[in-house]
Protein backbone atom coordinates (compact mmCIF):
# COMPACT_ATOMS: atom_id res chain seq x y z
CA MET A 1 -263.25 20.52 -71.50
CA THR A 2 -261.93 22.79 -69.17
CA THR A 3 -263.57 25.15 -67.06
CA LEU A 4 -262.36 28.48 -66.90
CA THR A 5 -262.44 30.13 -63.29
CA ARG A 6 -262.26 34.00 -62.79
CA TRP A 7 -259.79 35.36 -60.52
CA GLU A 8 -260.80 37.42 -57.58
CA PRO A 9 -257.95 38.44 -55.79
CA PHE A 10 -259.92 40.01 -52.95
CA ARG A 11 -261.45 36.69 -52.15
CA GLU A 12 -258.45 35.36 -52.22
CA MET A 13 -256.84 37.98 -49.73
CA ALA A 14 -259.74 37.17 -47.40
CA SER A 15 -258.99 33.65 -47.27
CA LEU A 16 -255.83 34.34 -46.40
CA ARG A 17 -256.15 36.43 -43.52
CA ASN A 18 -258.54 34.20 -42.28
CA ALA A 19 -255.90 31.50 -42.76
CA MET A 20 -253.22 34.29 -40.46
CA ASP A 21 -255.69 35.23 -38.28
CA ARG A 22 -256.39 31.68 -37.17
CA ALA A 23 -252.61 30.68 -37.04
CA PHE A 24 -251.38 33.83 -35.12
CA GLY A 25 -255.03 34.02 -32.78
CA ASP A 26 -255.11 30.94 -31.33
CA ALA A 27 -250.65 30.84 -30.74
CA PHE A 28 -250.75 33.99 -28.82
CA GLU A 29 -254.61 33.81 -27.03
CA PHE A 30 -254.15 31.87 -23.09
CA PRO A 31 -256.44 28.93 -23.29
CA ARG A 32 -258.86 29.23 -20.32
CA GLN A 33 -258.52 25.62 -19.64
CA TRP A 34 -254.62 26.08 -18.95
CA GLU A 35 -255.26 28.88 -16.86
CA ARG A 36 -256.70 27.14 -14.20
CA GLN A 37 -253.47 25.01 -13.82
CA ALA A 38 -250.88 27.37 -14.65
CA THR A 39 -248.12 27.36 -12.05
CA TRP A 40 -246.95 30.51 -10.65
CA GLY A 41 -244.13 31.35 -8.68
CA PRO A 42 -243.91 34.41 -6.16
CA ALA A 43 -241.84 37.68 -7.31
CA LEU A 44 -238.50 37.20 -5.30
CA ASP A 45 -236.45 39.88 -3.22
CA VAL A 46 -232.85 38.73 -2.43
CA VAL A 47 -230.59 41.06 -0.52
CA GLU A 48 -226.84 39.96 1.06
CA LYS A 49 -225.91 41.49 3.67
CA ASP A 50 -222.95 41.50 5.54
CA ASP A 51 -223.88 38.85 8.04
CA SER A 52 -227.07 36.88 6.17
CA TYR A 53 -229.17 36.53 3.43
CA VAL A 54 -233.03 38.57 3.31
CA VAL A 55 -235.28 36.76 1.08
CA LYS A 56 -238.70 38.47 1.18
CA ALA A 57 -241.60 36.72 -1.35
CA SER A 58 -245.02 37.98 -2.07
CA VAL A 59 -247.63 35.35 -0.78
CA PRO A 60 -250.63 37.35 -0.17
CA GLY A 61 -253.55 35.62 0.57
CA VAL A 62 -251.41 32.34 1.16
CA ALA A 63 -251.85 30.75 4.80
CA PRO A 64 -248.86 30.05 6.28
CA GLU A 65 -249.64 26.64 6.71
CA ASP A 66 -249.83 26.21 3.03
CA VAL A 67 -246.61 27.39 2.66
CA GLU A 68 -243.67 24.68 2.61
CA ILE A 69 -240.04 26.63 2.48
CA THR A 70 -236.64 23.98 2.44
CA LEU A 71 -233.09 24.13 1.89
CA THR A 72 -231.32 21.83 0.16
CA ASP A 73 -227.65 22.38 -0.71
CA ASN A 74 -227.77 26.28 -0.61
CA VAL A 75 -231.33 25.72 -2.78
CA LEU A 76 -233.86 28.01 -1.02
CA THR A 77 -236.97 26.61 -2.12
CA ILE A 78 -240.64 28.06 -1.40
CA LYS A 79 -243.99 25.72 -1.99
CA GLY A 80 -247.50 26.63 -1.64
CA GLU A 81 -251.08 26.91 -2.34
CA THR A 82 -253.28 29.12 -3.19
CA LYS A 83 -256.95 28.05 -2.49
CA GLU A 84 -259.47 29.27 -5.08
CA ASP A 85 -262.33 31.36 -3.72
CA LYS A 86 -265.46 28.98 -4.06
CA GLN A 87 -267.58 30.46 -6.77
CA ASP A 88 -270.83 29.91 -8.35
CA LYS A 89 -270.80 28.69 -11.63
CA GLN A 90 -273.49 31.09 -12.89
CA GLU A 91 -271.33 34.12 -12.27
CA ASN A 92 -270.26 36.00 -15.14
CA TYR A 93 -266.89 37.19 -14.36
CA HIS A 94 -265.61 40.30 -16.43
CA MET A 95 -262.25 39.57 -15.42
CA ARG A 96 -260.22 36.85 -13.76
CA GLU A 97 -256.37 37.31 -13.17
CA ARG A 98 -255.84 35.87 -9.84
CA TYR A 99 -254.02 33.03 -10.04
CA TYR A 100 -254.51 30.28 -7.65
CA GLY A 101 -253.40 26.67 -7.19
CA SER A 102 -249.90 25.29 -6.81
CA PHE A 103 -246.74 27.53 -6.55
CA VAL A 104 -243.20 27.09 -6.11
CA ARG A 105 -240.22 29.39 -6.33
CA SER A 106 -236.38 28.43 -6.14
CA VAL A 107 -233.30 30.46 -5.84
CA THR A 108 -229.72 29.48 -4.99
CA LEU A 109 -227.90 31.21 -2.75
CA PRO A 110 -223.94 32.30 -3.35
CA THR A 111 -222.40 31.38 -0.18
CA THR A 112 -223.73 27.81 2.71
CA VAL A 113 -225.72 29.35 5.15
CA ASP A 114 -226.69 28.25 8.59
CA ALA A 115 -229.89 26.54 8.36
CA ASP A 116 -230.47 25.68 12.18
CA LYS A 117 -231.17 29.57 12.44
CA VAL A 118 -233.18 30.43 9.54
CA GLU A 119 -236.42 32.67 10.85
CA ALA A 120 -239.36 32.98 8.30
CA VAL A 121 -242.46 36.01 9.37
CA ASN A 122 -245.20 36.51 7.18
CA GLU A 123 -246.28 39.97 7.69
CA HIS A 124 -249.16 41.54 5.04
CA GLY A 125 -248.65 38.40 2.24
CA VAL A 126 -244.46 39.59 2.60
CA LEU A 127 -242.88 35.75 3.71
CA THR A 128 -239.78 37.73 4.90
CA LEU A 129 -236.90 35.15 5.40
CA THR A 130 -233.44 35.47 7.23
CA LEU A 131 -230.93 33.39 6.51
CA PRO A 132 -227.57 33.78 8.68
CA LYS A 133 -224.65 33.00 7.27
CA SER A 134 -222.66 29.70 8.33
CA GLU A 135 -220.15 30.76 10.91
CA ALA A 136 -216.67 28.95 8.47
CA LEU A 137 -217.89 31.70 5.54
CA LYS A 138 -216.80 34.87 8.70
CA PRO A 139 -213.57 36.04 8.50
CA LYS A 140 -211.62 35.31 11.24
CA LYS A 141 -208.56 37.41 12.48
CA ILE A 142 -205.41 36.27 12.49
CA THR A 143 -202.83 38.03 15.38
CA VAL A 144 -199.21 38.66 14.06
CA LYS A 145 -196.95 37.37 16.57
CA THR A 146 -193.62 38.42 16.94
CA THR A 147 -190.58 37.16 18.02
CA VAL A 148 -187.61 38.66 18.76
CA ASN A 149 -183.89 37.69 17.82
CA GLY A 150 -185.33 35.35 15.94
CA GLN A 151 -186.30 33.43 19.11
């Protein structure tokens, strides 16, 4: 015996909507357990001057001893760590957007720099690196000698 079921289009549309909400809702939601493990990199500005590059990195709240700067084959790498604020697990946050944990940021410089003369200064949460261009790359003036009568 065959049973007839009454077709209810609104129930099927609600079921489809629930399925779509689950599919797209999970894809665009940032899971809380990933939030603490997310890696981030500081925002950088890189400016070329006549004799150097100046790199500014935003590292607010990062102690200078928690930053490691390396220069290998014209790749400048800034690594560091932001410490998590001690918090009471009972606190009820309304918003929490500040990142904590390890970060790394690398940038390839267009020309060779003199690694021995690099300077780094951290002032008000802005790390400023001055990277002098290599002496070999600086233009050298060549004087032209003249000869009198081919001599």
